[in-house]
Amino acid sequence: MSWRPAIPALSLLCVLASACGGSTQSFEEPDPPVGQPVLPDLMPAPPIDVQMTNQAGRWHISFSSILVNVGDGDFVLRAKRDGGDWRVEQLIPYSTSGSAVMPTRTSLVWGGDGHNHWHVKRVAINRLVRLDRKGRVDIRSARIDSKIGFCFYDHTRILKSGPEKAVYPHETCGKEDDTVIGMGLSSGWNDTYQFVLPGQSIDVSGLSDGKYRLLAEADESAWFREVTRDNNVTWVDFELTTKNELRFAEVVDVGPEPA
């Protein structure tokens, strides 16, 4: 059985919409939680659109990042500030009614990816590591992407557990001068950042040809409550080759997929 959060989505979106217009109105408090928590579960999908790109004379492995909510509960954040740092809270829906409000240690950062809105800082991290002849990972060789973060919203429904139509739009990620914002990811939906956006690549200049693994990890710092952390890492393996001064990446294996 798939629980749906008891928090009224329409009412929440109305509040979020007012925040996006630069209003100083605080989010309405949810009803007290009754029943059992219905947790979200963030899981990265294996990076897609993996390809070599030449950026200012340097070779990069570029890719699209995807985070999926495979839990039964929606992943919902709200944030407030009073001229200082953001205070970010997670709203945990309950099976009967209401939601629990959980403070988090995460922070928000503005823009940085061609999207003029707020992002959860470094909630998804990609690492490139070499594979030895036995397929073992050398984590000491890791190179890390420069993506600043995610603004969560319903991009594509990929699992049957979620609503048929998007609940959380990208507009709720806010404007630069907002003092209250919110964002969410419905159960069964994903959020995708395309390979053409800034930060969606890792510099491979100087790396020799061979097999590499591109690891994708969600919520490395364990900022949020979710069903499990056992599915927070996945990957793609690819063969890096050079021919006539051009570099190529051929995907040869793929890690766990959201289900």
C-alpha atoms as a PDB file:
ATOM      1  CA  MET A   1       0.000   0.000   0.000  1.00  0.00           C
ATOM      2  CA  SER A   2       1.336   3.432  -0.868  1.00  0.00           C
ATOM      3  CA  TRP A   3       0.609   6.179   1.668  1.00  0.00           C
ATOM      4  CA  ARG A   4       0.021   9.687   0.447  1.00  0.00           C
ATOM      5  CA  PRO A   5       1.003  12.542   2.776  1.00  0.00           C
ATOM      6  CA  ALA A   6      -1.877  14.030   4.697  1.00  0.00           C
ATOM      7  CA  ILE A   7      -0.509  17.560   4.348  1.00  0.00           C
ATOM      8  CA  PRO A   8      -2.848  19.458   1.991  1.00  0.00           C
ATOM      9  CA  ALA A   9      -0.690  20.022  -1.078  1.00  0.00           C
ATOM     10  CA  LEU A  10      -2.857  22.788  -2.525  1.00  0.00           C
ATOM     11  CA  SER A  11      -2.719  24.826   0.676  1.00  0.00           C
ATOM     12  CA  LEU A  12       1.033  24.355   0.918  1.00  0.00           C
ATOM     13  CA  LEU A  13       1.545  25.456  -2.664  1.00  0.00           C
ATOM     14  CA  CYS A  14      -0.499  28.580  -2.068  1.00  0.00           C
ATOM     15  CA  VAL A  15       1.814  29.463   0.790  1.00  0.00           C
ATOM     16  CA  LEU A  16       4.911  28.687  -1.263  1.00  0.00           C
ATOM     17  CA  ALA A  17       3.641  30.785  -4.140  1.00  0.00           C
ATOM     18  CA  SER A  18       3.296  33.800  -1.892  1.00  0.00           C
ATOM     19  CA  ALA A  19       6.885  33.292  -0.784  1.00  0.00           C
ATOM     20  CA  CYS A  20       8.136  33.281  -4.363  1.00  0.00           C
ATOM     21  CA  GLY A  21       6.680  36.720  -4.925  1.00  0.00           C
ATOM     22  CA  GLY A  22       9.001  38.192  -2.329  1.00  0.00           C
ATOM     23  CA  SER A  23       6.458  38.156   0.477  1.00  0.00           C
ATOM     24  CA  THR A  24       7.746  38.178   4.061  1.00  0.00           C
ATOM     25  CA  GLN A  25       4.794  35.995   5.101  1.00  0.00           C
ATOM     26  CA  SER A  26       5.936  32.952   7.078  1.00  0.00           C
ATOM     27  CA  PHE A  27       4.844  29.481   6.038  1.00  0.00           C
ATOM     28  CA  GLU A  28       1.699  28.297   7.729  1.00  0.00           C
ATOM     29  CA  GLU A  29       2.357  25.706  10.386  1.00  0.00           C
ATOM     30  CA  PRO A  30       1.084  22.223   9.487  1.00  0.00           C
ATOM     31  CA  ASP A  31      -1.433  20.457  11.678  1.00  0.00           C
ATOM     32  CA  PRO A  32       0.064  18.389  14.522  1.00  0.00           C
ATOM     33  CA  PRO A  33       1.301  14.994  13.323  1.00  0.00           C
ATOM     34  CA  VAL A  34      -1.088  12.099  13.886  1.00  0.00           C
ATOM     35  CA  GLY A  35      -0.359   8.475  13.014  1.00  0.00           C
ATOM     36  CA  GLN A  36       2.977   7.303  11.680  1.00  0.00           C
ATOM     37  CA  PRO A  37       5.627   9.255   9.746  1.00  0.00           C
ATOM     38  CA  VAL A  38       5.544   8.627   5.994  1.00  0.00           C
ATOM     39  CA  LEU A  39       9.153   9.219   5.013  1.00  0.00           C
ATOM     40  CA  PRO A  40      10.589  10.198   1.659  1.00  0.00           C
ATOM     41  CA  ASP A  41      13.608   8.368   0.271  1.00  0.00           C
ATOM     42  CA  LEU A  42      16.113  10.204  -1.916  1.00  0.00           C
ATOM     43  CA  MET A  43      17.963   8.009  -4.397  1.00  0.00           C
ATOM     44  CA  PRO A  44      20.200   9.101  -7.252  1.00  0.00           C
ATOM     45  CA  ALA A  45      19.704   7.523 -10.639  1.00  0.00           C
ATOM     46  CA  PRO A  46      22.876   6.540 -12.522  1.00  0.00           C
ATOM     47  CA  PRO A  47      24.148   9.620 -14.386  1.00  0.00           C
ATOM     48  CA  ILE A  48      22.916   9.815 -17.981  1.00  0.00           C
ATOM     49  CA  ASP A  49      24.039  11.706 -21.106  1.00  0.00           C
ATOM     50  CA  VAL A  50      27.635  10.768 -20.210  1.00  0.00           C
ATOM     51  CA  GLN A  51      29.939  12.291 -22.810  1.00  0.00           C
ATOM     52  CA  MET A  52      33.219  14.118 -23.348  1.00  0.00           C
ATOM     53  CA  THR A  53      33.139  17.885 -23.797  1.00  0.00           C
ATOM     54  CA  ASN A  54      35.946  20.332 -24.482  1.00  0.00           C
ATOM     55  CA  GLN A  55      35.684  23.409 -22.274  1.00  0.00           C
ATOM     56  CA  ALA A  56      38.211  26.184 -22.871  1.00  0.00           C
ATOM     57  CA  GLY A  57      40.742  23.677 -24.163  1.00  0.00           C
ATOM     58  CA  ARG A  58      40.299  21.185 -21.306  1.00  0.00           C
ATOM     59  CA  TRP A  59      38.493  17.842 -21.538  1.00  0.00           C
ATOM     60  CA  HIS A  60      35.596  17.175 -19.182  1.00  0.00           C
ATOM     61  CA  ILE A  61      33.299  14.228 -18.605  1.00  0.00           C
ATOM     62  CA  SER A  62      29.797  15.748 -18.709  1.00  0.00           C
ATOM     63  CA  PHE A  63      26.602  14.133 -17.436  1.00  0.00           C
ATOM     64  CA  SER A  64      23.024  14.763 -16.319  1.00  0.00           C
ATOM     65  CA  SER A  65      22.197  14.300 -12.623  1.00  0.00           C
ATOM     66  CA  ILE A  66      18.905  12.810 -11.431  1.00  0.00           C
ATOM     67  CA  LEU A  67      17.521  12.544  -7.889  1.00  0.00           C
ATOM     68  CA  VAL A  68      14.408  10.435  -7.335  1.00  0.00           C
ATOM     69  CA  ASN A  69      12.058  10.223  -4.360  1.00  0.00           C
ATOM     70  CA  VAL A  70      11.434   6.471  -4.079  1.00  0.00           C
ATOM     71  CA  GLY A  71       9.755   6.771  -0.664  1.00  0.00           C
ATOM     72  CA  ASP A  72       6.015   6.887   0.026  1.00  0.00           C
ATOM     73  CA  GLY A  73       6.184  10.351   1.605  1.00  0.00           C
ATOM     74  CA  ASP A  74       6.863  13.638  -0.168  1.00  0.00           C
ATOM     75  CA  PHE A  75      10.226  15.328   0.359  1.00  0.00           C
ATOM     76  CA  VAL A  76       9.337  18.866   1.490  1.00  0.00           C
ATOM     77  CA  LEU A  77      11.586  21.680   2.698  1.00  0.00           C
ATOM     78  CA  ARG A  78      10.840  25.205   3.843  1.00  0.00           C
ATOM     79  CA  ALA A  79      13.349  27.921   4.683  1.00  0.00           C
ATOM     80  CA  LYS A  80      13.218  31.300   6.433  1.00  0.00           C
ATOM     81  CA  ARG A  81      15.694  34.079   7.117  1.00  0.00           C
ATOM     82  CA  ASP A  82      15.721  37.419   8.913  1.00  0.00           C
ATOM     83  CA  GLY A  83      18.588  39.229   7.208  1.00  0.00           C
ATOM     84  CA  GLY A  84      21.011  36.398   8.006  1.00  0.00           C
ATOM     85  CA  ASP A  85      21.506  32.748   7.139  1.00  0.00           C
ATOM     86  CA  TRP A  86      18.668  30.527   6.022  1.00  0.00           C
ATOM     87  CA  ARG A  87      17.012  28.219   8.550  1.00  0.00           C
ATOM     88  CA  VAL A  88      15.956  25.118   6.665  1.00  0.00           C
ATOM     89  CA  GLU A  89      13.344  22.661   7.955  1.00  0.00           C
ATOM     90  CA  GLN A  90      12.043  19.372   6.610  1.00  0.00           C
ATOM     91  CA  LEU A  91       8.305  18.690   6.807  1.00  0.00           C
ATOM     92  CA  ILE A  92       7.585  15.014   7.452  1.00  0.00           C
ATOM     93  CA  PRO A  93       4.011  14.010   6.499  1.00  0.00           C
ATOM     94  CA  TYR A  94       2.096  11.639   8.781  1.00  0.00           C
ATOM     95  CA  SER A  95      -0.252   8.816   7.781  1.00  0.00           C
ATOM     96  CA  THR A  96      -3.406  10.168   9.446  1.00  0.00           C
ATOM     97  CA  SER A  97      -2.947  13.922   9.349  1.00  0.00           C
ATOM     98  CA  GLY A  98      -0.455  16.737   9.811  1.00  0.00           C
ATOM     99  CA  SER A  99       3.321  16.882   9.536  1.00  0.00           C
ATOM    100  CA  ALA A 100       6.322  16.987  11.833  1.00  0.00           C
ATOM    101  CA  VAL A 101       8.723  19.934  11.422  1.00  0.00           C
ATOM    102  CA  MET A 102      12.367  18.862  11.614  1.00  0.00           C
ATOM    103  CA  PRO A 103      15.240  21.385  11.751  1.00  0.00           C
ATOM    104  CA  THR A 104      18.162  20.537   9.446  1.00  0.00           C
ATOM    105  CA  ARG A 105      21.833  21.493   9.279  1.00  0.00           C
ATOM    106  CA  THR A 106      21.761  22.210   5.559  1.00  0.00           C
ATOM    107  CA  SER A 107      22.107  25.613   3.908  1.00  0.00           C
ATOM    108  CA  LEU A 108      20.886  27.311   0.755  1.00  0.00           C
ATOM    109  CA  VAL A 109      22.952  28.930  -1.987  1.00  0.00           C
ATOM    110  CA  TRP A 110      21.822  31.253  -4.777  1.00  0.00           C
ATOM    111  CA  GLY A 111      21.989  30.477  -8.510  1.00  0.00           C
ATOM    112  CA  GLY A 112      25.168  29.156 -10.000  1.00  0.00           C
ATOM    113  CA  ASP A 113      23.690  26.836 -12.614  1.00  0.00           C
ATOM    114  CA  GLY A 114      21.923  29.213 -14.985  1.00  0.00           C
ATOM    115  CA  HIS A 115      18.750  28.960 -12.882  1.00  0.00           C
ATOM    116  CA  ASN A 116      18.070  32.091 -10.888  1.00  0.00           C
ATOM    117  CA  HIS A 117      16.722  30.563  -7.708  1.00  0.00           C
ATOM    118  CA  TRP A 118      17.831  29.042  -4.398  1.00  0.00           C
ATOM    119  CA  HIS A 119      19.414  25.596  -4.095  1.00  0.00           C
ATOM    120  CA  VAL A 120      20.100  23.113  -1.307  1.00  0.00           C
ATOM    121  CA  LYS A 121      23.883  23.234  -1.154  1.00  0.00           C
ATOM    122  CA  ARG A 122      25.787  20.104  -2.234  1.00  0.00           C
ATOM    123  CA  VAL A 123      22.906  17.719  -1.614  1.00  0.00           C
ATOM    124  CA  ALA A 124      24.094  15.654  -4.595  1.00  0.00           C
ATOM    125  CA  ILE A 125      27.791  14.955  -5.201  1.00  0.00           C
ATOM    126  CA  ASN A 126      29.474  13.240  -8.145  1.00  0.00           C
ATOM    127  CA  ARG A 127      32.923  11.677  -7.923  1.00  0.00           C
ATOM    128  CA  LEU A 128      35.107  10.275 -10.674  1.00  0.00           C
ATOM    129  CA  VAL A 129      37.399   7.403  -9.658  1.00  0.00           C
ATOM    130  CA  ARG A 130      39.664   5.024 -11.553  1.00  0.00           C
ATOM    131  CA  LEU A 131      38.923   1.301 -11.711  1.00  0.00           C
ATOM    132  CA  ASP A 132      41.818  -1.109 -11.547  1.00  0.00           C
ATOM    133  CA  ARG A 133      42.101  -4.292 -13.634  1.00  0.00           C
ATOM    134  CA  LYS A 134      39.972  -6.170 -11.094  1.00  0.00           C
ATOM    135  CA  GLY A 135      37.259  -3.528 -11.163  1.00  0.00           C
ATOM    136  CA  ARG A 136      38.130  -2.153  -7.747  1.00  0.00           C
ATOM    137  CA  VAL A 137      37.651   1.547  -6.948  1.00  0.00           C
ATOM    138  CA  ASP A 138      40.573   3.734  -5.921  1.00  0.00           C
ATOM    139  CA  ILE A 139      38.754   6.419  -3.920  1.00  0.00           C
ATOM    140  CA  ARG A 140      42.043   8.253  -3.336  1.00  0.00           C
ATOM    141  CA  SER A 141      42.041   9.219  -7.007  1.00  0.00           C
ATOM    142  CA  ALA A 142      38.624  10.879  -6.793  1.00  0.00           C
ATOM    143  CA  ARG A 143      37.841  14.068  -8.692  1.00  0.00           C
ATOM    144  CA  ILE A 144      34.677  15.896  -7.605  1.00  0.00           C
ATOM    145  CA  ASP A 145      32.169  17.966  -9.561  1.00  0.00           C
ATOM    146  CA  SER A 146      31.590  21.665  -8.853  1.00  0.00           C
ATOM    147  CA  LYS A 147      27.784  21.645  -8.896  1.00  0.00           C
ATOM    148  CA  ILE A 148      26.464  23.892  -6.118  1.00  0.00           C
ATOM    149  CA  GLY A 149      23.208  22.119  -5.348  1.00  0.00           C
ATOM    150  CA  PHE A 150      19.648  21.166  -6.239  1.00  0.00           C
ATOM    151  CA  CYS A 151      16.416  23.105  -6.239  1.00  0.00           C
ATOM    152  CA  PHE A 152      13.885  20.340  -5.729  1.00  0.00           C
ATOM    153  CA  TYR A 153      10.709  20.236  -7.783  1.00  0.00           C
ATOM    154  CA  ASP A 154       8.622  17.670  -9.677  1.00  0.00           C
ATOM    155  CA  HIS A 155      10.336  17.253 -13.050  1.00  0.00           C
ATOM    156  CA  THR A 156       9.247  13.801 -14.286  1.00  0.00           C
ATOM    157  CA  ARG A 157       7.121  11.016 -12.825  1.00  0.00           C
ATOM    158  CA  ILE A 158       8.985   7.720 -13.141  1.00  0.00           C
ATOM    159  CA  LEU A 159       7.341   5.486 -10.504  1.00  0.00           C
ATOM    160  CA  LYS A 160       3.695   4.512 -10.137  1.00  0.00           C
ATOM    161  CA  SER A 161       3.683   5.344  -6.425  1.00  0.00           C
ATOM    162  CA  GLY A 162       3.324   9.074  -6.945  1.00  0.00           C
ATOM    163  CA  PRO A 163       0.647  11.479  -8.136  1.00  0.00           C
ATOM    164  CA  GLU A 164      -0.073  11.590 -11.851  1.00  0.00           C
ATOM    165  CA  LYS A 165       0.452  15.359 -12.045  1.00  0.00           C
ATOM    166  CA  ALA A 166       3.253  17.477 -10.625  1.00  0.00           C
ATOM    167  CA  VAL A 167       2.579  18.975  -7.185  1.00  0.00           C
ATOM    168  CA  TYR A 168       5.717  21.060  -6.578  1.00  0.00           C
ATOM    169  CA  PRO A 169       6.702  23.577  -9.308  1.00  0.00           C
ATOM    170  CA  HIS A 170      10.143  25.087  -9.794  1.00  0.00           C
ATOM    171  CA  GLU A 171       8.817  28.594  -9.068  1.00  0.00           C
ATOM    172  CA  THR A 172       8.710  27.774  -5.357  1.00  0.00           C
ATOM    173  CA  CYS A 173      12.533  27.774  -5.234  1.00  0.00           C
ATOM    174  CA  GLY A 174      12.258  31.526  -4.840  1.00  0.00           C
ATOM    175  CA  LYS A 175      13.797  34.811  -5.882  1.00  0.00           C
ATOM    176  CA  GLU A 176      17.031  36.299  -4.603  1.00  0.00           C
ATOM    177  CA  ASP A 177      15.442  38.730  -2.148  1.00  0.00           C
ATOM    178  CA  ASP A 178      12.850  36.314  -0.727  1.00  0.00           C
ATOM    179  CA  THR A 179      12.844  35.684   2.999  1.00  0.00           C
ATOM    180  CA  VAL A 180      10.704  32.529   2.913  1.00  0.00           C
ATOM    181  CA  ILE A 181      10.817  29.793   0.291  1.00  0.00           C
ATOM    182  CA  GLY A 182       9.936  26.139  -0.069  1.00  0.00           C
ATOM    183  CA  MET A 183      10.562  23.222  -2.364  1.00  0.00           C
ATOM    184  CA  GLY A 184       9.396  19.648  -2.704  1.00  0.00           C
ATOM    185  CA  LEU A 185       9.675  16.371  -4.574  1.00  0.00           C
ATOM    186  CA  SER A 186       6.620  14.137  -4.749  1.00  0.00           C
ATOM    187  CA  SER A 187       6.783  10.412  -4.167  1.00  0.00           C
ATOM    188  CA  GLY A 188       7.659   8.689  -7.450  1.00  0.00           C
ATOM    189  CA  TRP A 189       8.980  11.846  -9.150  1.00  0.00           C
ATOM    190  CA  ASN A 190      12.489  12.925 -10.071  1.00  0.00           C
ATOM    191  CA  ASP A 191      14.402  16.164 -10.444  1.00  0.00           C
ATOM    192  CA  THR A 192      16.898  16.357 -13.311  1.00  0.00           C
ATOM    193  CA  TYR A 193      19.829  18.686 -13.991  1.00  0.00           C
ATOM    194  CA  GLN A 194      20.942  18.487 -17.621  1.00  0.00           C
ATOM    195  CA  PHE A 195      24.569  17.974 -18.658  1.00  0.00           C
ATOM    196  CA  VAL A 196      24.685  21.387 -20.345  1.00  0.00           C
ATOM    197  CA  LEU A 197      24.319  23.249 -17.029  1.00  0.00           C
ATOM    198  CA  PRO A 198      27.340  24.623 -15.153  1.00  0.00           C
ATOM    199  CA  GLY A 199      28.820  22.169 -12.673  1.00  0.00           C
ATOM    200  CA  GLN A 200      27.528  19.099 -14.525  1.00  0.00           C
ATOM    201  CA  SER A 201      31.022  17.939 -15.466  1.00  0.00           C
ATOM    202  CA  ILE A 202      34.386  16.890 -14.057  1.00  0.00           C
ATOM    203  CA  ASP A 203      37.751  17.870 -15.527  1.00  0.00           C
ATOM    204  CA  VAL A 204      39.591  14.790 -16.829  1.00  0.00           C
ATOM    205  CA  SER A 205      42.566  16.630 -18.322  1.00  0.00           C
ATOM    206  CA  GLY A 206      45.725  14.706 -17.561  1.00  0.00           C
ATOM    207  CA  LEU A 207      43.943  11.405 -16.891  1.00  0.00           C
ATOM    208  CA  SER A 208      45.188   8.435 -18.876  1.00  0.00           C
ATOM    209  CA  ASP A 209      42.920   6.194 -20.929  1.00  0.00           C
ATOM    210  CA  GLY A 210      41.243   3.370 -19.035  1.00  0.00           C
ATOM    211  CA  LYS A 211      38.146   2.412 -17.056  1.00  0.00           C
ATOM    212  CA  TYR A 212      36.557   4.882 -14.650  1.00  0.00           C
ATOM    213  CA  ARG A 213      33.517   4.989 -12.390  1.00  0.00           C
ATOM    214  CA  LEU A 214      31.319   8.075 -12.050  1.00  0.00           C
ATOM    215  CA  LEU A 215      29.698   7.866  -8.615  1.00  0.00           C
ATOM    216  CA  ALA A 216      26.517   9.788  -7.741  1.00  0.00           C
ATOM    217  CA  GLU A 217      25.591  10.229  -4.071  1.00  0.00           C
ATOM    218  CA  ALA A 218      22.542  11.843  -2.460  1.00  0.00           C
ATOM    219  CA  ASP A 219      22.650  13.609   0.911  1.00  0.00           C
ATOM    220  CA  GLU A 220      26.200  12.587   1.795  1.00  0.00           C
ATOM    221  CA  SER A 221      26.032  14.625   5.026  1.00  0.00           C
ATOM    222  CA  ALA A 222      22.811  12.920   6.211  1.00  0.00           C
ATOM    223  CA  TRP A 223      20.945  16.213   6.585  1.00  0.00           C
ATOM    224  CA  PHE A 224      17.482  14.769   5.952  1.00  0.00           C
ATOM    225  CA  ARG A 225      15.212  12.068   7.344  1.00  0.00           C
ATOM    226  CA  GLU A 226      14.450   9.320   4.861  1.00  0.00           C
ATOM    227  CA  VAL A 227      13.556   5.639   4.739  1.00  0.00           C
ATOM    228  CA  THR A 228      17.107   4.352   4.304  1.00  0.00           C
ATOM    229  CA  ARG A 229      20.577   5.494   3.362  1.00  0.00           C
ATOM    230  CA  ASP A 230      21.466   2.147   1.790  1.00  0.00           C
ATOM    231  CA  ASN A 231      20.408   3.389  -1.663  1.00  0.00           C
ATOM    232  CA  ASN A 232      22.084   6.794  -1.612  1.00  0.00           C
ATOM    233  CA  VAL A 233      24.893   5.860  -4.018  1.00  0.00           C
ATOM    234  CA  THR A 234      24.887   4.625  -7.614  1.00  0.00           C
ATOM    235  CA  TRP A 235      27.225   4.916 -10.608  1.00  0.00           C
ATOM    236  CA  VAL A 236      28.100   4.422 -14.246  1.00  0.00           C
ATOM    237  CA  ASP A 237      31.340   2.847 -15.478  1.00  0.00           C
ATOM    238  CA  PHE A 238      32.901   4.039 -18.700  1.00  0.00           C
ATOM    239  CA  GLU A 239      35.967   3.504 -20.852  1.00  0.00           C
ATOM    240  CA  LEU A 240      38.012   6.637 -21.520  1.00  0.00           C
ATOM    241  CA  THR A 241      39.914   6.558 -24.815  1.00  0.00           C
ATOM    242  CA  THR A 242      41.894   8.975 -26.963  1.00  0.00           C
ATOM    243  CA  LYS A 243      42.099   9.009 -30.769  1.00  0.00           C
ATOM    244  CA  ASN A 244      43.599  11.706 -32.989  1.00  0.00           C
ATOM    245  CA  GLU A 245      43.736  14.109 -29.997  1.00  0.00           C
ATOM    246  CA  LEU A 246      40.016  13.608 -29.365  1.00  0.00           C
ATOM    247  CA  ARG A 247      38.728  11.933 -26.198  1.00  0.00           C
ATOM    248  CA  PHE A 248      35.766   9.583 -25.955  1.00  0.00           C
ATOM    249  CA  ALA A 249      33.726   8.012 -23.141  1.00  0.00           C
ATOM    250  CA  GLU A 250      31.848   4.738 -23.698  1.00  0.00           C
ATOM    251  CA  VAL A 251      29.529   3.569 -20.915  1.00  0.00           C
ATOM    252  CA  VAL A 252      30.190  -0.103 -20.110  1.00  0.00           C
ATOM    253  CA  ASP A 253      28.187  -0.691 -16.909  1.00  0.00           C
ATOM    254  CA  VAL A 254      25.431   0.930 -14.873  1.00  0.00           C
ATOM    255  CA  GLY A 255      24.748   0.856 -11.132  1.00  0.00           C
ATOM    256  CA  PRO A 256      21.441   0.439  -9.232  1.00  0.00           C
ATOM    257  CA  GLU A 257      18.381   2.152 -10.722  1.00  0.00           C
ATOM    258  CA  PRO A 258      15.520   3.726  -8.715  1.00  0.00           C
ATOM    259  CA  ALA A 259      12.594   1.346  -8.311  1.00  0.00           C
END
